[in-house]
Amino acid sequence: HLEGLAKLVTAVKKEGSAIGIRLSHAGAKTSEEVCGETP
């Protein structure tokens, strides 16, 4: 995931803006098909 995120950060900062990211865990709000196991 790092290469794409680094490109995103570089592109946004080139325009002069600051950038942050929200770190998430869906917990029970997902499915086995999506997350690969029992939520």
PDB file of all heavy atoms in Angstrom:
ATOM      1  N   HIS A   1       0.808  -1.214   0.000  1.00  0.00           N
ATOM      2  CA  HIS A   1       0.000   0.000   0.000  1.00  0.00           C
ATOM      3  C   HIS A   1       0.845   1.269   0.000  1.00  0.00           C
ATOM      4  O   HIS A   1       0.336   2.361  -0.283  1.00  0.00           O
ATOM      5  CB  HIS A   1      -0.925   0.019   1.225  1.00  0.00           C
ATOM      6  CG  HIS A   1      -1.951  -1.063   1.218  1.00  0.00           C
ATOM      7  ND1 HIS A   1      -2.385  -1.697   2.365  1.00  0.00           N
ATOM      8  CD2 HIS A   1      -2.640  -1.640   0.205  1.00  0.00           C
ATOM      9  CE1 HIS A   1      -3.288  -2.605   2.065  1.00  0.00           C
ATOM     10  NE2 HIS A   1      -3.458  -2.594   0.751  1.00  0.00           N
ATOM     11  N   LEU A   2       2.118   1.155   0.353  1.00  0.00           N
ATOM     12  CA  LEU A   2       2.942   2.329   0.595  1.00  0.00           C
ATOM     13  C   LEU A   2       3.220   3.151  -0.659  1.00  0.00           C
ATOM     14  O   LEU A   2       3.185   4.393  -0.610  1.00  0.00           O
ATOM     15  CB  LEU A   2       4.265   1.925   1.246  1.00  0.00           C
ATOM     16  CG  LEU A   2       4.169   1.283   2.636  1.00  0.00           C
ATOM     17  CD1 LEU A   2       5.559   0.990   3.179  1.00  0.00           C
ATOM     18  CD2 LEU A   2       3.406   2.173   3.589  1.00  0.00           C
ATOM     19  N   GLU A   3       3.498   2.514  -1.769  1.00  0.00           N
ATOM     20  CA  GLU A   3       3.876   3.251  -2.978  1.00  0.00           C
ATOM     21  C   GLU A   3       2.766   4.217  -3.397  1.00  0.00           C
ATOM     22  O   GLU A   3       3.019   5.397  -3.663  1.00  0.00           O
ATOM     23  CB  GLU A   3       4.191   2.281  -4.112  1.00  0.00           C
ATOM     24  CG  GLU A   3       4.625   2.991  -5.388  1.00  0.00           C
ATOM     25  CD  GLU A   3       4.960   2.026  -6.516  1.00  0.00           C
ATOM     26  OE1 GLU A   3       4.900   0.800  -6.306  1.00  0.00           O
ATOM     27  OE2 GLU A   3       5.292   2.509  -7.631  1.00  0.00           O
ATOM     28  N   GLY A   4       1.529   3.733  -3.459  1.00  0.00           N
ATOM     29  CA  GLY A   4       0.423   4.582  -3.869  1.00  0.00           C
ATOM     30  C   GLY A   4       0.144   5.692  -2.875  1.00  0.00           C
ATOM     31  O   GLY A   4      -0.141   6.833  -3.264  1.00  0.00           O
ATOM     32  N   LEU A   5       0.222   5.380  -1.588  1.00  0.00           N
ATOM     33  CA  LEU A   5      -0.003   6.399  -0.564  1.00  0.00           C
ATOM     34  C   LEU A   5       1.061   7.486  -0.632  1.00  0.00           C
ATOM     35  O   LEU A   5       0.763   8.672  -0.475  1.00  0.00           O
ATOM     36  CB  LEU A   5      -0.015   5.752   0.826  1.00  0.00           C
ATOM     37  CG  LEU A   5      -1.236   4.890   1.156  1.00  0.00           C
ATOM     38  CD1 LEU A   5      -0.998   4.093   2.443  1.00  0.00           C
ATOM     39  CD2 LEU A   5      -2.494   5.750   1.290  1.00  0.00           C
ATOM     40  N   ALA A   6       2.310   7.076  -0.879  1.00  0.00           N
ATOM     41  CA  ALA A   6       3.390   8.057  -0.992  1.00  0.00           C
ATOM     42  C   ALA A   6       3.161   8.970  -2.200  1.00  0.00           C
ATOM     43  O   ALA A   6       3.396  10.181  -2.130  1.00  0.00           O
ATOM     44  CB  ALA A   6       4.735   7.343  -1.110  1.00  0.00           C
ATOM     45  N   LYS A   7       2.688   8.428  -3.308  1.00  0.00           N
ATOM     46  CA  LYS A   7       2.387   9.235  -4.489  1.00  0.00           C
ATOM     47  C   LYS A   7       1.263  10.224  -4.190  1.00  0.00           C
ATOM     48  O   LYS A   7       1.304  11.376  -4.618  1.00  0.00           O
ATOM     49  CB  LYS A   7       2.000   8.337  -5.668  1.00  0.00           C
ATOM     50  CG  LYS A   7       3.144   7.554  -6.266  1.00  0.00           C
ATOM     51  CD  LYS A   7       2.674   6.693  -7.425  1.00  0.00           C
ATOM     52  CE  LYS A   7       3.827   5.917  -8.048  1.00  0.00           C
ATOM     53  NZ  LYS A   7       3.375   5.040  -9.168  1.00  0.00           N
ATOM     54  N   LEU A   8       0.258   9.766  -3.437  1.00  0.00           N
ATOM     55  CA  LEU A   8      -0.850  10.636  -3.061  1.00  0.00           C
ATOM     56  C   LEU A   8      -0.355  11.795  -2.199  1.00  0.00           C
ATOM     57  O   LEU A   8      -0.712  12.961  -2.439  1.00  0.00           O
ATOM     58  CB  LEU A   8      -1.906   9.826  -2.310  1.00  0.00           C
ATOM     59  CG  LEU A   8      -3.064  10.604  -1.692  1.00  0.00           C
ATOM     60  CD1 LEU A   8      -3.839  11.362  -2.762  1.00  0.00           C
ATOM     61  CD2 LEU A   8      -3.989   9.657  -0.927  1.00  0.00           C
ATOM     62  N   VAL A   9       0.451  11.487  -1.212  1.00  0.00           N
ATOM     63  CA  VAL A   9       0.992  12.519  -0.321  1.00  0.00           C
ATOM     64  C   VAL A   9       1.813  13.538  -1.116  1.00  0.00           C
ATOM     65  O   VAL A   9       1.658  14.759  -0.954  1.00  0.00           O
ATOM     66  CB  VAL A   9       1.844  11.889   0.796  1.00  0.00           C
ATOM     67  CG1 VAL A   9       2.603  12.969   1.565  1.00  0.00           C
ATOM     68  CG2 VAL A   9       0.964  11.091   1.749  1.00  0.00           C
ATOM     69  N   THR A  10       2.673  13.050  -1.988  1.00  0.00           N
ATOM     70  CA  THR A  10       3.525  13.940  -2.785  1.00  0.00           C
ATOM     71  C   THR A  10       2.688  14.855  -3.667  1.00  0.00           C
ATOM     72  O   THR A  10       2.958  16.068  -3.763  1.00  0.00           O
ATOM     73  CB  THR A  10       4.487  13.110  -3.654  1.00  0.00           C
ATOM     74  OG1 THR A  10       5.332  12.326  -2.807  1.00  0.00           O
ATOM     75  CG2 THR A  10       5.344  14.020  -4.529  1.00  0.00           C
ATOM     76  N   ALA A  11       1.639  14.309  -4.281  1.00  0.00           N
ATOM     77  CA  ALA A  11       0.796  15.095  -5.178  1.00  0.00           C
ATOM     78  C   ALA A  11       0.050  16.189  -4.428  1.00  0.00           C
ATOM     79  O   ALA A  11      -0.057  17.331  -4.906  1.00  0.00           O
ATOM     80  CB  ALA A  11      -0.189  14.174  -5.897  1.00  0.00           C
ATOM     81  N   VAL A  12      -0.471  15.859  -3.240  1.00  0.00           N
ATOM     82  CA  VAL A  12      -1.219  16.845  -2.454  1.00  0.00           C
ATOM     83  C   VAL A  12      -0.286  17.935  -1.926  1.00  0.00           C
ATOM     84  O   VAL A  12      -0.593  19.127  -2.000  1.00  0.00           O
ATOM     85  CB  VAL A  12      -1.969  16.154  -1.297  1.00  0.00           C
ATOM     86  CG1 VAL A  12      -2.484  17.180  -0.280  1.00  0.00           C
ATOM     87  CG2 VAL A  12      -3.122  15.322  -1.834  1.00  0.00           C
ATOM     88  N   LYS A  13       0.863  17.542  -1.402  1.00  0.00           N
ATOM     89  CA  LYS A  13       1.798  18.525  -0.857  1.00  0.00           C
ATOM     90  C   LYS A  13       2.373  19.423  -1.944  1.00  0.00           C
ATOM     91  O   LYS A  13       2.709  20.589  -1.686  1.00  0.00           O
ATOM     92  CB  LYS A  13       2.908  17.817  -0.082  1.00  0.00           C
ATOM     93  CG  LYS A  13       2.439  17.209   1.227  1.00  0.00           C
ATOM     94  CD  LYS A  13       3.602  16.709   2.061  1.00  0.00           C
ATOM     95  CE  LYS A  13       3.145  16.233   3.425  1.00  0.00           C
ATOM     96  NZ  LYS A  13       4.271  15.801   4.282  1.00  0.00           N
ATOM     97  N   LYS A  14       2.471  18.914  -3.154  1.00  0.00           N
ATOM     98  CA  LYS A  14       2.939  19.730  -4.268  1.00  0.00           C
ATOM     99  C   LYS A  14       2.007  20.909  -4.502  1.00  0.00           C
ATOM    100  O   LYS A  14       2.438  21.982  -4.946  1.00  0.00           O
ATOM    101  CB  LYS A  14       3.040  18.879  -5.533  1.00  0.00           C
ATOM    102  CG  LYS A  14       3.627  19.601  -6.719  1.00  0.00           C
ATOM    103  CD  LYS A  14       3.744  18.683  -7.929  1.00  0.00           C
ATOM    104  CE  LYS A  14       4.333  19.407  -9.133  1.00  0.00           C
ATOM    105  NZ  LYS A  14       4.435  18.510 -10.320  1.00  0.00           N
ATOM    106  N   GLU A  15       0.737  20.717  -4.165  1.00  0.00           N
ATOM    107  CA  GLU A  15      -0.256  21.794  -4.316  1.00  0.00           C
ATOM    108  C   GLU A  15      -0.295  22.710  -3.091  1.00  0.00           C
ATOM    109  O   GLU A  15      -1.078  23.659  -3.046  1.00  0.00           O
ATOM    110  CB  GLU A  15      -1.639  21.200  -4.566  1.00  0.00           C
ATOM    111  CG  GLU A  15      -1.737  20.328  -5.798  1.00  0.00           C
ATOM    112  CD  GLU A  15      -1.398  21.060  -7.084  1.00  0.00           C
ATOM    113  OE1 GLU A  15      -1.610  22.298  -7.133  1.00  0.00           O
ATOM    114  OE2 GLU A  15      -0.919  20.416  -8.035  1.00  0.00           O
ATOM    115  N   GLY A  16       0.509  22.391  -2.066  1.00  0.00           N
ATOM    116  CA  GLY A  16       0.629  23.259  -0.905  1.00  0.00           C
ATOM    117  C   GLY A  16      -0.254  22.910   0.279  1.00  0.00           C
ATOM    118  O   GLY A  16      -0.246  23.621   1.288  1.00  0.00           O
ATOM    119  N   SER A  17      -1.021  21.827   0.183  1.00  0.00           N
ATOM    120  CA  SER A  17      -1.934  21.457   1.269  1.00  0.00           C
ATOM    121  C   SER A  17      -1.284  20.465   2.220  1.00  0.00           C
ATOM    122  O   SER A  17      -0.349  19.739   1.851  1.00  0.00           O
ATOM    123  CB  SER A  17      -3.220  20.844   0.701  1.00  0.00           C
ATOM    124  OG  SER A  17      -3.913  21.776  -0.099  1.00  0.00           O
ATOM    125  N   ALA A  18      -1.794  20.427   3.452  1.00  0.00           N
ATOM    126  CA  ALA A  18      -1.400  19.405   4.414  1.00  0.00           C
ATOM    127  C   ALA A  18      -2.303  18.189   4.228  1.00  0.00           C
ATOM    128  O   ALA A  18      -3.413  18.296   3.706  1.00  0.00           O
ATOM    129  CB  ALA A  18      -1.522  19.938   5.836  1.00  0.00           C
ATOM    130  N   ILE A  19      -1.843  17.030   4.679  1.00  0.00           N
ATOM    131  CA  ILE A  19      -2.613  15.804   4.475  1.00  0.00           C
ATOM    132  C   ILE A  19      -2.432  14.850   5.649  1.00  0.00           C
ATOM    133  O   ILE A  19      -1.328  14.683   6.170  1.00  0.00           O
ATOM    134  CB  ILE A  19      -2.211  15.122   3.142  1.00  0.00           C
ATOM    135  CG1 ILE A  19      -3.070  13.876   2.882  1.00  0.00           C
ATOM    136  CG2 ILE A  19      -0.717  14.798   3.111  1.00  0.00           C
ATOM    137  CD1 ILE A  19      -2.876  13.291   1.483  1.00  0.00           C
ATOM    138  N   GLY A  20      -3.525  14.277   6.088  1.00  0.00           N
ATOM    139  CA  GLY A  20      -3.500  13.257   7.130  1.00  0.00           C
ATOM    140  C   GLY A  20      -4.373  12.093   6.714  1.00  0.00           C
ATOM    141  O   GLY A  20      -5.095  12.160   5.711  1.00  0.00           O
ATOM    142  N   ILE A  21      -4.336  11.023   7.476  1.00  0.00           N
ATOM    143  CA  ILE A  21      -5.096   9.832   7.128  1.00  0.00           C
ATOM    144  C   ILE A  21      -5.805   9.273   8.352  1.00  0.00           C
ATOM    145  O   ILE A  21      -5.276   9.334   9.469  1.00  0.00           O
ATOM    146  CB  ILE A  21      -4.181   8.765   6.477  1.00  0.00           C
ATOM    147  CG1 ILE A  21      -5.006   7.651   5.842  1.00  0.00           C
ATOM    148  CG2 ILE A  21      -3.161   8.212   7.482  1.00  0.00           C
ATOM    149  CD1 ILE A  21      -4.189   6.764   4.902  1.00  0.00           C
ATOM    150  N   ARG A  22      -6.996   8.766   8.146  1.00  0.00           N
ATOM    151  CA  ARG A  22      -7.807   8.201   9.223  1.00  0.00           C
ATOM    152  C   ARG A  22      -7.630   6.689   9.247  1.00  0.00           C
ATOM    153  O   ARG A  22      -7.911   6.003   8.266  1.00  0.00           O
ATOM    154  CB  ARG A  22      -9.282   8.575   9.006  1.00  0.00           C
ATOM    155  CG  ARG A  22     -10.190   8.239  10.163  1.00  0.00           C
ATOM    156  CD  ARG A  22     -11.583   8.831   9.935  1.00  0.00           C
ATOM    157  NE  ARG A  22     -11.557  10.297   9.981  1.00  0.00           N
ATOM    158  CZ  ARG A  22     -12.580  11.063   9.603  1.00  0.00           C
ATOM    159  NH1 ARG A  22     -13.688  10.517   9.115  1.00  0.00           N
ATOM    160  NH2 ARG A  22     -12.475  12.378   9.701  1.00  0.00           N
ATOM    161  N   LEU A  23      -7.155   6.169  10.369  1.00  0.00           N
ATOM    162  CA  LEU A  23      -6.887   4.736  10.514  1.00  0.00           C
ATOM    163  C   LEU A  23      -8.096   4.045  11.121  1.00  0.00           C
ATOM    164  O   LEU A  23      -8.581   4.448  12.179  1.00  0.00           O
ATOM    165  CB  LEU A  23      -5.656   4.518  11.398  1.00  0.00           C
ATOM    166  CG  LEU A  23      -4.385   5.282  11.005  1.00  0.00           C
ATOM    167  CD1 LEU A  23      -3.251   4.922  11.952  1.00  0.00           C
ATOM    168  CD2 LEU A  23      -3.999   5.006   9.555  1.00  0.00           C
ATOM    169  N   SER A  24      -8.568   2.989  10.447  1.00  0.00           N
ATOM    170  CA  SER A  24      -9.841   2.387  10.834  1.00  0.00           C
ATOM    171  C   SER A  24      -9.777   0.871  10.927  1.00  0.00           C
ATOM    172  O   SER A  24      -8.976   0.212  10.258  1.00  0.00           O
ATOM    173  CB  SER A  24     -10.936   2.756   9.828  1.00  0.00           C
ATOM    174  OG  SER A  24     -11.191   4.135   9.812  1.00  0.00           O
ATOM    175  N   HIS A  25     -10.665   0.348  11.760  1.00  0.00           N
ATOM    176  CA  HIS A  25     -10.935  -1.088  11.829  1.00  0.00           C
ATOM    177  C   HIS A  25     -12.451  -1.219  11.879  1.00  0.00           C
ATOM    178  O   HIS A  25     -13.104  -0.644  12.752  1.00  0.00           O
ATOM    179  CB  HIS A  25     -10.305  -1.697  13.083  1.00  0.00           C
ATOM    180  CG  HIS A  25     -10.330  -3.201  13.117  1.00  0.00           C
ATOM    181  ND1 HIS A  25     -11.511  -3.929  13.172  1.00  0.00           N
ATOM    182  CD2 HIS A  25      -9.322  -4.117  13.118  1.00  0.00           C
ATOM    183  CE1 HIS A  25     -11.223  -5.219  13.203  1.00  0.00           C
ATOM    184  NE2 HIS A  25      -9.899  -5.362  13.162  1.00  0.00           N
ATOM    185  N   ALA A  26     -13.017  -1.959  10.943  1.00  0.00           N
ATOM    186  CA  ALA A  26     -14.480  -2.036  10.817  1.00  0.00           C
ATOM    187  C   ALA A  26     -15.144  -2.776  11.957  1.00  0.00           C
ATOM    188  O   ALA A  26     -16.349  -2.615  12.183  1.00  0.00           O
ATOM    189  CB  ALA A  26     -14.847  -2.696   9.486  1.00  0.00           C
ATOM    190  N   GLY A  27     -14.385  -3.594  12.681  1.00  0.00           N
ATOM    191  CA  GLY A  27     -15.004  -4.368  13.746  1.00  0.00           C
ATOM    192  C   GLY A  27     -16.070  -5.293  13.202  1.00  0.00           C
ATOM    193  O   GLY A  27     -15.827  -6.060  12.261  1.00  0.00           O
ATOM    194  N   ALA A  28     -17.269  -5.216  13.763  1.00  0.00           N
ATOM    195  CA  ALA A  28     -18.366  -6.102  13.360  1.00  0.00           C
ATOM    196  C   ALA A  28     -19.033  -5.659  12.069  1.00  0.00           C
ATOM    197  O   ALA A  28     -19.843  -6.402  11.502  1.00  0.00           O
ATOM    198  CB  ALA A  28     -19.408  -6.173  14.479  1.00  0.00           C
ATOM    199  N   LYS A  29     -18.732  -4.457  11.592  1.00  0.00           N
ATOM    200  CA  LYS A  29     -19.439  -3.909  10.437  1.00  0.00           C
ATOM    201  C   LYS A  29     -18.746  -4.307   9.127  1.00  0.00           C
ATOM    202  O   LYS A  29     -18.269  -3.483   8.355  1.00  0.00           O
ATOM    203  CB  LYS A  29     -19.543  -2.387  10.542  1.00  0.00           C
ATOM    204  CG  LYS A  29     -20.645  -1.813   9.691  1.00  0.00           C
ATOM    205  CD  LYS A  29     -20.860  -0.344   9.973  1.00  0.00           C
ATOM    206  CE  LYS A  29     -22.047   0.198   9.185  1.00  0.00           C
ATOM    207  NZ  LYS A  29     -22.278   1.638   9.451  1.00  0.00           N
ATOM    208  N   THR A  30     -18.708  -5.614   8.877  1.00  0.00           N
ATOM    209  CA  THR A  30     -18.117  -6.147   7.660  1.00  0.00           C
ATOM    210  C   THR A  30     -18.644  -7.575   7.461  1.00  0.00           C
ATOM    211  O   THR A  30     -19.551  -8.017   8.170  1.00  0.00           O
ATOM    212  CB  THR A  30     -16.577  -6.111   7.736  1.00  0.00           C
ATOM    213  OG1 THR A  30     -16.041  -6.512   6.475  1.00  0.00           O
ATOM    214  CG2 THR A  30     -16.027  -7.003   8.840  1.00  0.00           C
ATOM    215  N   SER A  31     -18.065  -8.266   6.509  1.00  0.00           N
ATOM    216  CA  SER A  31     -18.475  -9.642   6.231  1.00  0.00           C
ATOM    217  C   SER A  31     -17.243 -10.501   6.002  1.00  0.00           C
ATOM    218  O   SER A  31     -16.156  -9.992   5.694  1.00  0.00           O
ATOM    219  CB  SER A  31     -19.368  -9.689   4.987  1.00  0.00           C
ATOM    220  OG  SER A  31     -18.630  -9.307   3.828  1.00  0.00           O
ATOM    221  N   GLU A  32     -17.422 -11.805   6.129  1.00  0.00           N
ATOM    222  CA  GLU A  32     -16.303 -12.720   5.903  1.00  0.00           C
ATOM    223  C   GLU A  32     -15.801 -12.620   4.473  1.00  0.00           C
ATOM    224  O   GLU A  32     -14.596 -12.735   4.211  1.00  0.00           O
ATOM    225  CB  GLU A  32     -16.723 -14.152   6.228  1.00  0.00           C
ATOM    226  CG  GLU A  32     -15.589 -15.158   6.121  1.00  0.00           C
ATOM    227  CD  GLU A  32     -15.971 -16.536   6.626  1.00  0.00           C
ATOM    228  OE1 GLU A  32     -17.063 -16.689   7.214  1.00  0.00           O
ATOM    229  OE2 GLU A  32     -15.165 -17.479   6.433  1.00  0.00           O
ATOM    230  N   GLU A  33     -16.705 -12.401   3.532  1.00  0.00           N
ATOM    231  CA  GLU A  33     -16.307 -12.280   2.135  1.00  0.00           C
ATOM    232  C   GLU A  33     -15.347 -11.114   1.927  1.00  0.00           C
ATOM    233  O   GLU A  33     -14.400 -11.203   1.145  1.00  0.00           O
ATOM    234  CB  GLU A  33     -17.547 -12.081   1.258  1.00  0.00           C
ATOM    235  CG  GLU A  33     -17.236 -11.938  -0.223  1.00  0.00           C
ATOM    236  CD  GLU A  33     -18.476 -11.732  -1.070  1.00  0.00           C
ATOM    237  OE1 GLU A  33     -19.589 -11.663  -0.496  1.00  0.00           O
ATOM    238  OE2 GLU A  33     -18.338 -11.626  -2.310  1.00  0.00           O
ATOM    239  N   VAL A  34     -15.564 -10.034   2.657  1.00  0.00           N
ATOM    240  CA  VAL A  34     -14.737  -8.834   2.501  1.00  0.00           C
ATOM    241  C   VAL A  34     -13.458  -8.902   3.323  1.00  0.00           C
ATOM    242  O   VAL A  34     -12.377  -8.551   2.836  1.00  0.00           O
ATOM    243  CB  VAL A  34     -15.543  -7.575   2.889  1.00  0.00           C
ATOM    244  CG1 VAL A  34     -14.639  -6.348   2.959  1.00  0.00           C
ATOM    245  CG2 VAL A  34     -16.661  -7.337   1.893  1.00  0.00           C
ATOM    246  N   CYS A  35     -13.573  -9.346   4.580  1.00  0.00           N
ATOM    247  CA  CYS A  35     -12.414  -9.279   5.478  1.00  0.00           C
ATOM    248  C   CYS A  35     -11.658 -10.600   5.614  1.00  0.00           C
ATOM    249  O   CYS A  35     -10.600 -10.637   6.243  1.00  0.00           O
ATOM    250  CB  CYS A  35     -12.841  -8.771   6.858  1.00  0.00           C
ATOM    251  SG  CYS A  35     -13.709  -9.965   7.890  1.00  0.00           S
ATOM    252  N   GLY A  36     -12.205 -11.680   5.056  1.00  0.00           N
ATOM    253  CA  GLY A  36     -11.479 -12.945   5.027  1.00  0.00           C
ATOM    254  C   GLY A  36     -11.660 -13.841   6.224  1.00  0.00           C
ATOM    255  O   GLY A  36     -11.079 -14.927   6.281  1.00  0.00           O
ATOM    256  N   GLU A  37     -12.456 -13.418   7.209  1.00  0.00           N
ATOM    257  CA  GLU A  37     -12.704 -14.223   8.393  1.00  0.00           C
ATOM    258  C   GLU A  37     -13.987 -13.760   9.063  1.00  0.00           C
ATOM    259  O   GLU A  37     -14.599 -12.777   8.632  1.00  0.00           O
ATOM    260  CB  GLU A  37     -11.541 -14.113   9.378  1.00  0.00           C
ATOM    261  CG  GLU A  37     -11.272 -12.696   9.863  1.00  0.00           C
ATOM    262  CD  GLU A  37     -10.080 -12.619  10.803  1.00  0.00           C
ATOM    263  OE1 GLU A  37      -8.940 -12.442  10.316  1.00  0.00           O
ATOM    264  OE2 GLU A  37     -10.305 -12.750  12.023  1.00  0.00           O
ATOM    265  N   THR A  38     -14.385 -14.446  10.109  1.00  0.00           N
ATOM    266  CA  THR A  38     -15.553 -14.005  10.859  1.00  0.00           C
ATOM    267  C   THR A  38     -15.266 -12.639  11.458  1.00  0.00           C
ATOM    268  O   THR A  38     -14.245 -12.451  12.119  1.00  0.00           O
ATOM    269  CB  THR A  38     -15.890 -14.991  11.992  1.00  0.00           C
ATOM    270  OG1 THR A  38     -16.143 -16.284  11.435  1.00  0.00           O
ATOM    271  CG2 THR A  38     -17.123 -14.532  12.770  1.00  0.00           C
ATOM    272  N   PRO A  39     -16.130 -11.647  11.224  1.00  0.00           N
ATOM    273  CA  PRO A  39     -15.892 -10.322  11.796  1.00  0.00           C
ATOM    274  C   PRO A  39     -15.767 -10.386  13.310  1.00  0.00           C
ATOM    275  O   PRO A  39     -16.363 -11.250  13.962  1.00  0.00           O
ATOM    276  CB  PRO A  39     -17.132  -9.529  11.383  1.00  0.00           C
ATOM    277  CG  PRO A  39     -17.636 -10.224  10.168  1.00  0.00           C
ATOM    278  CD  PRO A  39     -17.340 -11.681  10.387  1.00  0.00           C
TER     279      PRO A  39
END
